[in-house]
Amino acid sequence: MKGVKNWMVLTALVLLAACTPKTTEPVVTTDPKPAAPSPVDENLSPCPKFSDAPSPDEAETNYVLYRDFLRVDDYDQAYALWQKVYAVAPAADGQRNTVLADGIRFNERFISQTADTTQWEPYVDKIFDLYDQIQECYPEGGYIVGRKAFDLYYKYRWRASKLEMYNMFKESLETDGEDVQDFVINPFTSLLVEMYFDDKIPLSEAQMYAERIKALVANGVENCEGVMCDRWAIIESYAPERLEAFETVKGFYDCDYYTDKYYTQFEENPQDCDVILTVFSRMKWGGCDETSEKLKELIRVGNENCVEEGPLEKAYEALRNAEYDTAIELFETAANEAETPEKKAQWLLTVAKIYYAHKRNFPRSRQYALQAAEVRSNWGEPFILIGQLYASSGPLCGPGTGWESQVVVWPALDAWNRAKRIDPSSSSEANKWIGRYAKYMPTKEDVFQRSLAAGQSFRVGCWIQETTTIRTAN
């Protein structure tokens, strides 16, 4: 971009690539047929096994039969036989936790078939009792405490505080180290962010675990094989994005973090003043020295192409120097003193973009975008931004699993379609975002499972609080 241009905030730089990260469901590996253990094998479980049963042959036969019934979803007969096996040989052949894991599976089914939630507690108690038995019979490092935390976080939140779940995930991670269970990372990341901003953990702890999470994700993605690569791809789409919340904390990330993340944007768009401003501001926020070669290059190009003169010079200077509160105040003043509705709307939208890109305060960003739209009618850009706010709220509005994170796409589509409707000149931009995010909507199966249907009205909660229309990705 040549010539003098305002150093506006480039919202697109901070829009994340995917808004609907899913969780990686933990799997208890089971084997339908017990192996014949050697009688001298000292590595067998200390818990009662087939060989300890009053009638070992009968116990093994019942085991094989109940597993066969499970394969054809005959839960009634399977459960009756499972109870007999569990009573005499909960450790199966001493080499696998199949019987105990299947007990969890049965109780989860009982919960799914019990509409009255007040009747769930005995089943949940049994599930956690079975977890404890697995840990006793087959110690598996940090797996069980991580699995219990996972279930508490996604299924039984009333049974533990966020801090308790956080500490359980932390124990699992500390126990397993580089061999961390992949399903631990997404919920632990979410809780890490919440615990810091709720003043439950110190800055140093949040920084340490943020770095460890990034290293674990990078290692998992690099070294995965087969189906595990799909699981690590889900984690990679969520955890780093959630950790971006810490960018609002001065000093949390250093200069290298912001340089690595943002400077390539400048290299790809060296003449774009929006990009130059965003990259320069983020690197300054990260404490980069202006004598560094990369920052000097940004200053040089910015001074050649993007100098702002006049009443708003101080506002843009504050924005360049990562003095975001000062910049907001100055742009608000400019908006209040603007001579035309177009200028007032532009400065209000700039404030909205600062709240989005730099303050990560989505409600305030929407507030100013709506003010801009009210001042300047038939302007699509504020609704483009609002759609981006909604679409990137997946990690904020859901625990990393599908539904709650996916439904935010519906009001995002509403906003982009509104931009197209009132301002045809914004159609190209709106269509770009629609094409990018429509595939992340819930599937027909997701909608059907909740006794809903495409075309119905639906109220999206979280900070969005918008009534929208159900649509599906397929």
Protein backbone atom coordinates (compact mmCIF):
# COMPACT_ATOMS: atom_id res chain seq x y z
CA MET A 1 0.00 0.00 0.00
CA LYS A 2 1.63 3.24 -1.08
CA GLY A 3 1.21 6.73 0.23
CA VAL A 4 0.07 8.04 3.56
CA LYS A 5 -2.43 5.84 5.36
CA ASN A 6 -3.81 5.55 8.84
CA TRP A 7 -2.16 2.81 10.88
CA MET A 8 -5.34 0.90 11.49
CA VAL A 9 -5.63 -2.32 13.41
CA LEU A 10 -5.59 -5.40 11.21
CA THR A 11 -8.23 -7.61 12.71
CA ALA A 12 -7.55 -10.45 10.34
CA LEU A 13 -4.10 -10.98 11.82
CA VAL A 14 -5.52 -12.17 15.07
CA LEU A 15 -8.40 -14.21 13.71
CA LEU A 16 -7.60 -17.79 14.46
CA ALA A 17 -7.63 -20.54 11.90
CA ALA A 18 -10.32 -22.67 13.53
CA CYS A 19 -13.03 -21.81 16.00
CA THR A 20 -14.27 -25.20 16.94
CA PRO A 21 -11.64 -27.30 18.62
CA LYS A 22 -12.73 -30.71 19.87
CA THR A 23 -11.47 -32.73 22.75
CA THR A 24 -9.59 -36.00 22.40
CA GLU A 25 -11.73 -38.58 24.15
CA PRO A 26 -9.66 -40.89 26.39
CA VAL A 27 -9.84 -44.55 25.50
CA VAL A 28 -9.46 -47.48 27.86
CA THR A 29 -7.91 -50.26 25.81
CA THR A 30 -9.66 -53.57 26.23
CA ASP A 31 -9.17 -57.03 24.80
CA PRO A 32 -12.21 -59.24 24.21
CA LYS A 33 -10.28 -62.45 24.78
CA PRO A 34 -7.97 -63.05 27.76
CA ALA A 35 -4.51 -64.34 27.16
CA ALA A 36 -3.33 -67.37 29.07
CA PRO A 37 -0.84 -66.04 31.64
CA SER A 38 2.19 -67.93 32.71
CA PRO A 39 1.83 -69.20 36.28
CA VAL A 40 5.24 -67.77 37.11
CA ASP A 41 4.57 -64.31 35.67
CA GLU A 42 5.32 -61.89 38.53
CA ASN A 43 3.91 -58.90 36.60
CA LEU A 44 0.29 -59.96 36.94
CA SER A 45 -2.15 -57.73 38.76
CA PRO A 46 -2.37 -58.28 42.53
CA CYS A 47 -6.18 -58.10 42.30
CA PRO A 48 -8.42 -61.21 41.98
CA LYS A 49 -8.00 -62.90 38.61
CA PHE A 50 -9.62 -65.79 36.76
CA SER A 51 -7.11 -68.12 38.39
CA ASP A 52 -8.30 -66.92 41.81
CA ALA A 53 -11.99 -67.55 41.11
CA PRO A 54 -13.80 -70.52 42.69
CA SER A 55 -14.36 -71.81 39.16
CA PRO A 56 -11.75 -70.30 36.79
CA ASP A 57 -13.26 -71.92 33.69
CA GLU A 58 -16.71 -70.54 34.47
CA ALA A 59 -15.27 -67.06 35.09
CA GLU A 60 -13.46 -67.08 31.76
CA THR A 61 -16.51 -68.39 29.93
CA ASN A 62 -18.71 -65.66 31.42
CA TYR A 63 -16.10 -63.10 30.42
CA VAL A 64 -16.08 -64.21 26.79
CA LEU A 65 -19.88 -64.38 26.71
CA TYR A 66 -20.51 -60.92 28.15
CA ARG A 67 -18.01 -59.44 25.73
CA ASP A 68 -19.83 -61.14 22.87
CA PHE A 69 -23.14 -59.67 24.04
CA LEU A 70 -21.53 -56.23 24.21
CA ARG A 71 -20.50 -56.52 20.57
CA VAL A 72 -24.14 -56.83 19.54
CA ASP A 73 -25.30 -54.16 22.01
CA ASP A 74 -27.22 -56.63 24.16
CA TYR A 75 -26.50 -54.73 27.35
CA ASP A 76 -28.96 -56.57 29.58
CA GLN A 77 -27.43 -60.01 29.12
CA ALA A 78 -23.93 -58.55 29.00
CA TYR A 79 -24.39 -56.76 32.32
CA ALA A 80 -25.80 -59.84 34.07
CA LEU A 81 -22.74 -61.85 33.08
CA TRP A 82 -20.36 -58.97 33.75
CA GLN A 83 -21.56 -58.82 37.35
CA LYS A 84 -20.60 -62.46 37.82
CA VAL A 85 -17.12 -61.88 36.41
CA TYR A 86 -16.60 -58.67 38.37
CA ALA A 87 -17.52 -60.43 41.62
CA VAL A 88 -14.76 -63.04 41.33
CA ALA A 89 -12.16 -61.74 38.85
CA PRO A 90 -12.16 -57.92 38.46
CA ALA A 91 -8.58 -58.08 37.16
CA ALA A 92 -9.53 -60.56 34.39
CA ASP A 93 -6.41 -62.55 33.46
CA GLY A 94 -4.14 -60.22 35.41
CA GLN A 95 -2.89 -58.46 32.29
CA ARG A 96 -5.70 -56.09 31.31
CA ASN A 97 -8.26 -53.80 32.96
CA THR A 98 -11.08 -54.87 30.65
CA VAL A 99 -13.59 -55.91 33.32
CA LEU A 100 -13.18 -52.69 35.30
CA ALA A 101 -13.25 -50.52 32.16
CA ASP A 102 -16.42 -52.24 30.99
CA GLY A 103 -17.96 -51.51 34.38
CA ILE A 104 -17.43 -47.83 33.69
CA ARG A 105 -19.01 -48.32 30.28
CA PHE A 106 -22.11 -49.95 31.81
CA ASN A 107 -22.59 -47.19 34.38
CA GLU A 108 -22.17 -44.48 31.76
CA ARG A 109 -24.93 -46.19 29.81
CA PHE A 110 -27.16 -46.25 32.89
CA ILE A 111 -26.65 -42.49 33.21
CA SER A 112 -27.49 -41.90 29.54
CA GLN A 113 -30.75 -43.78 30.00
CA THR A 114 -31.74 -41.98 33.20
CA ALA A 115 -33.58 -38.75 32.43
CA ASP A 116 -33.86 -37.73 36.10
CA THR A 117 -30.45 -36.28 36.89
CA THR A 118 -31.07 -36.60 40.62
CA GLN A 119 -30.78 -40.36 40.11
CA TRP A 120 -27.32 -40.21 38.55
CA GLU A 121 -25.19 -40.04 41.66
CA PRO A 122 -24.97 -43.80 42.48
CA TYR A 123 -23.78 -44.50 38.94
CA VAL A 124 -21.22 -41.71 39.07
CA ASP A 125 -20.01 -42.95 42.46
CA LYS A 126 -19.51 -46.39 40.95
CA ILE A 127 -17.63 -44.98 37.98
CA PHE A 128 -15.10 -43.27 40.22
CA ASP A 129 -14.86 -46.33 42.44
CA LEU A 130 -13.99 -48.36 39.33
CA TYR A 131 -11.34 -45.82 38.38
CA ASP A 132 -9.80 -46.28 41.81
CA GLN A 133 -9.83 -50.04 41.32
CA ILE A 134 -8.10 -49.71 37.96
CA GLN A 135 -5.41 -47.61 39.59
CA GLU A 136 -5.01 -50.24 42.33
CA CYS A 137 -5.02 -53.25 40.00
CA TYR A 138 -3.19 -51.73 37.04
CA PRO A 139 -1.19 -48.65 38.03
CA GLU A 140 -0.80 -46.61 34.86
CA GLY A 141 1.17 -43.51 35.78
CA GLY A 142 -0.93 -40.37 35.44
CA TYR A 143 -3.62 -41.99 33.32
CA ILE A 144 -6.29 -42.60 35.95
CA VAL A 145 -6.06 -39.25 37.73
CA GLY A 146 -6.14 -37.60 34.29
CA ARG A 147 -9.13 -39.66 33.24
CA LYS A 148 -11.00 -38.82 36.44
CA ALA A 149 -10.27 -35.14 35.93
CA PHE A 150 -11.41 -35.42 32.31
CA ASP A 151 -14.75 -36.92 33.33
CA LEU A 152 -15.23 -34.32 36.04
CA TYR A 153 -14.50 -31.53 33.60
CA TYR A 154 -16.68 -32.69 30.72
CA LYS A 155 -19.41 -34.75 32.41
CA TYR A 156 -19.71 -34.29 36.18
CA ARG A 157 -18.69 -30.73 36.92
CA TRP A 158 -20.83 -30.48 40.05
CA ARG A 159 -18.52 -32.93 41.83
CA ALA A 160 -15.35 -30.81 41.86
CA SER A 161 -14.22 -27.20 41.76
CA LYS A 162 -12.20 -25.88 38.84
CA LEU A 163 -9.15 -25.66 41.05
CA GLU A 164 -9.54 -29.30 42.12
CA MET A 165 -9.79 -30.41 38.50
CA TYR A 166 -6.83 -28.23 37.58
CA ASN A 167 -4.70 -29.85 40.28
CA MET A 168 -5.72 -33.34 39.13
CA PHE A 169 -4.76 -32.59 35.54
CA LYS A 170 -1.52 -31.09 36.79
CA GLU A 171 -0.76 -34.26 38.77
CA SER A 172 -1.37 -36.35 35.65
CA LEU A 173 0.90 -34.15 33.57
CA GLU A 174 3.65 -34.12 36.20
CA THR A 175 3.48 -37.89 36.61
CA ASP A 176 3.72 -38.69 32.90
CA GLY A 177 6.00 -35.87 31.75
CA GLU A 178 6.71 -36.10 28.02
CA ASP A 179 4.48 -39.17 27.88
CA VAL A 180 1.48 -37.11 28.95
CA GLN A 181 -1.94 -38.47 28.06
CA ASP A 182 -3.07 -36.50 25.04
CA PHE A 183 -6.62 -36.05 26.36
CA VAL A 184 -5.29 -34.11 29.35
CA ILE A 185 -3.92 -31.17 27.39
CA ASN A 186 -7.02 -29.34 26.12
CA PRO A 187 -8.99 -29.19 29.40
CA PHE A 188 -5.83 -28.48 31.39
CA THR A 189 -5.02 -25.59 29.05
CA SER A 190 -8.50 -24.13 29.48
CA LEU A 191 -8.29 -24.41 33.26
CA LEU A 192 -4.78 -22.96 33.30
CA VAL A 193 -6.07 -19.79 31.67
CA GLU A 194 -9.08 -19.60 33.97
CA MET A 195 -7.07 -20.24 37.13
CA TYR A 196 -4.64 -17.44 36.31
CA PHE A 197 -7.27 -14.84 35.47
CA ASP A 198 -9.24 -15.88 38.57
CA ASP A 199 -6.11 -15.20 40.66
CA LYS A 200 -5.88 -18.84 41.75
CA ILE A 201 -2.33 -19.46 40.51
CA PRO A 202 0.69 -17.14 40.23
CA LEU A 203 2.12 -15.72 37.02
CA SER A 204 5.22 -17.91 37.23
CA GLU A 205 3.14 -21.11 37.33
CA ALA A 206 0.98 -20.01 34.40
CA GLN A 207 4.07 -19.14 32.38
CA MET A 208 5.76 -22.46 33.15
CA TYR A 209 2.80 -24.58 32.15
CA ALA A 210 2.03 -22.49 29.06
CA GLU A 211 5.53 -23.22 27.80
CA ARG A 212 5.25 -26.90 28.69
CA ILE A 213 1.92 -27.22 26.90
CA LYS A 214 3.33 -25.68 23.74
CA ALA A 215 6.33 -28.01 23.87
CA LEU A 216 4.15 -31.08 24.48
CA VAL A 217 1.85 -30.19 21.58
CA ALA A 218 4.79 -29.60 19.24
CA ASN A 219 6.32 -32.92 20.30
CA GLY A 220 3.04 -34.79 19.90
CA VAL A 221 2.38 -33.40 16.44
CA GLU A 222 5.94 -34.07 15.29
CA ASN A 223 6.18 -37.65 16.55
CA CYS A 224 2.62 -38.95 16.15
CA GLU A 225 1.75 -41.94 14.03
CA GLY A 226 -1.48 -43.19 12.47
CA VAL A 227 -4.73 -42.26 14.20
CA MET A 228 -2.84 -40.43 16.94
CA CYS A 229 -2.00 -37.73 14.41
CA ASP A 230 -5.70 -36.95 14.11
CA ARG A 231 -5.93 -36.63 17.89
CA TRP A 232 -2.90 -34.36 18.08
CA ALA A 233 -4.30 -32.24 15.25
CA ILE A 234 -7.37 -31.59 17.41
CA ILE A 235 -5.15 -30.56 20.31
CA GLU A 236 -3.02 -28.34 18.10
CA SER A 237 -6.14 -26.54 16.90
CA TYR A 238 -7.18 -25.70 20.45
CA ALA A 239 -4.42 -25.44 23.07
CA PRO A 240 -2.14 -22.84 21.41
CA GLU A 241 -5.18 -20.74 20.53
CA ARG A 242 -6.44 -20.82 24.12
CA LEU A 243 -3.01 -19.80 25.40
CA GLU A 244 -3.25 -16.63 23.33
CA ALA A 245 -5.38 -15.23 26.15
CA PHE A 246 -2.11 -14.61 27.96
CA GLU A 247 -1.09 -12.11 25.28
CA THR A 248 -3.15 -9.57 27.19
CA VAL A 249 -0.82 -9.93 30.19
CA LYS A 250 2.13 -7.58 29.97
CA GLY A 251 5.35 -9.53 30.28
CA PHE A 252 3.79 -12.98 30.06
CA TYR A 253 5.41 -13.69 26.70
CA ASP A 254 8.76 -12.28 25.65
CA CYS A 255 9.99 -10.54 22.53
CA ASP A 256 10.86 -13.81 20.80
CA TYR A 257 7.27 -15.05 21.15
CA TYR A 258 5.78 -11.99 19.45
CA THR A 259 8.54 -11.84 16.83
CA ASP A 260 8.09 -15.49 15.88
CA LYS A 261 4.33 -15.16 15.75
CA TYR A 262 3.86 -11.81 14.02
CA TYR A 263 6.95 -10.81 12.04
CA THR A 264 6.21 -13.22 9.19
CA GLN A 265 2.97 -11.31 8.66
CA PHE A 266 5.04 -8.23 7.85
CA GLU A 267 7.36 -10.19 5.56
CA GLU A 268 4.33 -11.43 3.62
CA ASN A 269 2.71 -7.95 3.46
CA PRO A 270 5.59 -5.43 3.63
CA GLN A 271 3.59 -2.54 2.19
CA ASP A 272 0.41 -2.96 4.23
CA CYS A 273 0.18 -0.29 6.90
CA ASP A 274 -2.37 -2.28 8.90
CA VAL A 275 0.06 -5.18 9.11
CA ILE A 276 2.99 -2.95 9.93
CA LEU A 277 1.10 -1.31 12.79
CA THR A 278 -0.11 -4.61 14.24
CA VAL A 279 3.30 -6.29 14.09
CA PHE A 280 5.12 -3.26 15.48
CA SER A 281 2.61 -2.87 18.32
CA ARG A 282 2.70 -6.54 19.33
CA MET A 283 6.50 -6.63 19.32
CA LYS A 284 6.64 -3.49 21.43
CA TRP A 285 4.13 -5.06 23.83
CA GLY A 286 6.48 -8.03 24.10
CA GLY A 287 9.37 -5.79 25.11
CA CYS A 288 11.36 -5.87 21.88
CA ASP A 289 14.13 -3.26 21.72
CA GLU A 290 13.78 -0.68 18.98
CA THR A 291 17.47 -1.20 18.18
CA SER A 292 16.76 -4.74 16.98
CA GLU A 293 17.09 -5.17 13.25
CA LYS A 294 13.53 -6.37 12.75
CA LEU A 295 11.96 -3.53 14.70
CA LYS A 296 14.22 -1.02 12.94
CA GLU A 297 12.95 -2.35 9.62
CA LEU A 298 9.36 -1.96 10.73
CA ILE A 299 10.06 1.62 11.79
CA ARG A 300 11.77 2.41 8.51
CA VAL A 301 8.96 1.07 6.33
CA GLY A 302 6.31 2.60 8.58
CA ASN A 303 7.91 6.03 8.44
CA GLU A 304 8.11 5.82 4.65
CA ASN A 305 4.55 4.70 4.02
CA CYS A 306 2.36 4.99 7.07
CA VAL A 307 2.96 8.27 8.88
CA GLU A 308 -0.17 9.67 10.53
CA GLU A 309 -0.31 13.44 10.97
CA GLY A 310 -2.89 15.71 12.49
CA PRO A 311 -5.19 15.37 15.53
CA LEU A 312 -4.94 11.57 15.67
CA GLU A 313 -1.16 11.41 15.57
CA LYS A 314 -0.95 10.81 19.34
CA ALA A 315 -3.64 8.14 19.21
CA TYR A 316 -1.77 6.17 16.58
CA GLU A 317 1.51 6.72 18.40
CA ALA A 318 -0.02 5.23 21.55
CA LEU A 319 -1.30 2.28 19.54
CA ARG A 320 2.11 1.71 17.96
CA ASN A 321 3.73 1.76 21.38
CA ALA A 322 1.26 -0.79 22.78
CA GLU A 323 -0.30 1.80 25.11
CA TYR A 324 -3.72 0.41 24.39
CA ASP A 325 -5.73 2.11 27.12
CA THR A 326 -4.35 5.49 26.08
CA ALA A 327 -5.07 4.76 22.43
CA ILE A 328 -8.65 3.80 23.24
CA GLU A 329 -9.18 7.01 25.20
CA LEU A 330 -7.76 9.16 22.39
CA PHE A 331 -9.79 7.45 19.67
CA GLU A 332 -12.94 7.80 21.77
CA THR A 333 -12.25 11.51 22.14
CA ALA A 334 -11.73 11.80 18.39
CA ALA A 335 -15.02 10.00 17.77
CA ASN A 336 -16.89 12.33 20.11
CA GLU A 337 -15.40 15.35 18.35
CA ALA A 338 -15.72 14.03 14.79
CA GLU A 339 -17.18 16.38 12.24
CA THR A 340 -18.91 13.71 10.15
CA PRO A 341 -20.74 10.45 10.92
CA GLU A 342 -18.28 8.57 8.71
CA LYS A 343 -15.27 9.69 10.77
CA LYS A 344 -17.02 9.07 14.07
CA ALA A 345 -17.96 5.57 12.97
CA GLN A 346 -14.41 4.90 11.78
CA TRP A 347 -12.85 5.85 15.13
CA LEU A 348 -15.42 3.83 17.06
CA LEU A 349 -14.64 0.81 14.91
CA THR A 350 -10.94 1.36 15.55
CA VAL A 351 -11.65 1.16 19.27
CA ALA A 352 -13.60 -2.04 18.64
CA LYS A 353 -10.63 -3.52 16.81
CA ILE A 354 -8.24 -2.61 19.60
CA TYR A 355 -10.45 -4.39 22.11
CA TYR A 356 -10.50 -7.43 19.86
CA ALA A 357 -6.93 -7.63 18.61
CA HIS A 358 -5.04 -6.37 21.64
CA LYS A 359 -7.27 -6.43 24.72
CA ARG A 360 -9.09 -9.67 23.81
CA ASN A 361 -12.23 -8.21 25.31
CA PHE A 362 -14.93 -9.49 23.01
CA PRO A 363 -18.01 -7.94 24.67
CA ARG A 364 -16.46 -4.46 24.63
CA SER A 365 -15.34 -4.92 21.04
CA ARG A 366 -18.90 -5.77 19.99
CA GLN A 367 -20.24 -2.80 21.95
CA TYR A 368 -18.11 -0.34 19.97
CA ALA A 369 -18.72 -2.10 16.66
CA LEU A 370 -22.47 -1.75 17.20
CA GLN A 371 -22.03 1.92 18.06
CA ALA A 372 -20.12 2.40 14.82
CA ALA A 373 -22.87 0.64 12.87
CA GLU A 374 -25.51 2.84 14.49
CA VAL A 375 -23.67 6.04 13.58
CA ARG A 376 -23.05 4.99 9.99
CA SER A 377 -25.96 3.06 8.54
CA ASN A 378 -25.59 0.52 5.74
CA TRP A 379 -21.94 -0.10 6.62
CA GLY A 380 -20.92 -3.74 6.56
CA GLU A 381 -17.48 -3.58 8.20
CA PRO A 382 -18.72 -3.50 11.83
CA PHE A 383 -20.68 -6.70 11.22
CA ILE A 384 -17.67 -8.33 9.57
CA LEU A 385 -15.84 -7.72 12.85
CA ILE A 386 -18.76 -8.96 14.97
CA GLY A 387 -18.84 -12.15 12.92
CA GLN A 388 -15.12 -12.61 13.57
CA LEU A 389 -15.69 -12.09 17.28
CA TYR A 390 -18.35 -14.80 17.36
CA ALA A 391 -16.47 -17.25 15.15
CA SER A 392 -13.33 -17.05 17.27
CA SER A 393 -15.24 -17.61 20.52
CA GLY A 394 -15.17 -21.40 20.30
CA PRO A 395 -12.45 -21.76 22.97
CA LEU A 396 -14.19 -19.20 25.19
CA CYS A 397 -17.69 -20.64 25.02
CA GLY A 398 -16.93 -24.35 25.12
CA PRO A 399 -14.60 -26.63 27.03
CA GLY A 400 -12.91 -27.70 23.85
CA THR A 401 -15.56 -30.15 22.79
CA GLY A 402 -17.84 -29.93 19.77
CA TRP A 403 -21.31 -28.55 20.43
CA GLU A 404 -20.77 -25.51 22.65
CA SER A 405 -17.79 -24.41 20.58
CA GLN A 406 -19.51 -25.04 17.25
CA VAL A 407 -22.80 -23.22 17.79
CA VAL A 408 -20.97 -19.88 17.88
CA VAL A 409 -20.66 -20.17 14.10
CA TRP A 410 -24.41 -19.62 13.67
CA PRO A 411 -24.50 -16.02 14.96
CA ALA A 412 -21.22 -15.40 13.13
CA LEU A 413 -22.92 -16.36 9.86
CA ASP A 414 -25.84 -14.11 10.79
CA ALA A 415 -23.49 -11.16 11.21
CA TRP A 416 -21.66 -11.77 7.93
CA ASN A 417 -24.91 -12.22 6.03
CA ARG A 418 -26.17 -8.98 7.52
CA ALA A 419 -23.02 -7.21 6.34
CA LYS A 420 -23.69 -8.46 2.79
CA ARG A 421 -27.34 -7.48 2.96
CA ILE A 422 -26.83 -3.88 4.07
CA ASP A 423 -23.56 -3.22 2.26
CA PRO A 424 -22.97 -5.05 -1.04
CA SER A 425 -19.38 -3.77 -1.11
CA SER A 426 -18.61 -6.01 1.87
CA SER A 427 -19.89 -9.16 0.16
CA SER A 428 -16.48 -10.41 -0.91
CA GLU A 429 -15.05 -10.13 2.60
CA ALA A 430 -18.16 -11.63 4.17
CA ASN A 431 -18.18 -14.56 1.76
CA LYS A 432 -14.55 -15.26 2.57
CA TRP A 433 -15.36 -15.71 6.27
CA ILE A 434 -18.56 -17.64 5.57
CA GLY A 435 -16.63 -20.06 3.38
CA ARG A 436 -13.98 -20.50 6.04
CA TYR A 437 -16.28 -21.20 8.96
CA ALA A 438 -19.47 -22.80 7.61
CA LYS A 439 -17.80 -26.22 7.70
CA TYR A 440 -17.41 -25.93 11.49
CA MET A 441 -21.14 -25.90 12.19
CA PRO A 442 -22.60 -28.91 14.05
CA THR A 443 -23.55 -31.94 11.96
CA LYS A 444 -27.07 -33.23 11.39
CA GLU A 445 -26.30 -36.00 13.87
CA ASP A 446 -25.23 -33.50 16.55
CA VAL A 447 -28.45 -31.55 16.09
CA PHE A 448 -30.68 -34.64 16.01
CA GLN A 449 -29.14 -36.05 19.18
CA ARG A 450 -30.33 -32.93 21.02
CA SER A 451 -33.90 -33.26 19.72
CA LEU A 452 -33.39 -30.19 17.54
CA ALA A 453 -33.80 -29.60 13.83
CA ALA A 454 -32.34 -27.36 11.16
CA GLY A 455 -34.35 -24.17 10.77
CA GLN A 456 -35.36 -23.92 14.41
CA SER A 457 -34.45 -20.95 16.56
CA PHE A 458 -31.63 -21.43 19.02
CA ARG A 459 -30.26 -19.21 21.76
CA VAL A 460 -26.46 -19.13 21.88
CA GLY A 461 -25.27 -18.42 25.39
CA CYS A 462 -21.82 -17.55 26.70
CA TRP A 463 -21.01 -13.85 26.21
CA ILE A 464 -22.78 -13.86 22.83
CA GLN A 465 -26.41 -14.17 24.02
CA GLU A 466 -27.91 -14.13 20.52
CA THR A 467 -30.92 -15.95 19.08
CA THR A 468 -30.03 -17.56 15.79
CA THR A 469 -31.15 -20.26 13.36
CA ILE A 470 -29.89 -23.85 13.47
CA ARG A 471 -27.90 -24.92 10.43
CA THR A 472 -25.74 -27.98 9.81
CA ALA A 473 -22.41 -28.56 8.15
CA ASN A 474 -23.70 -31.54 6.17
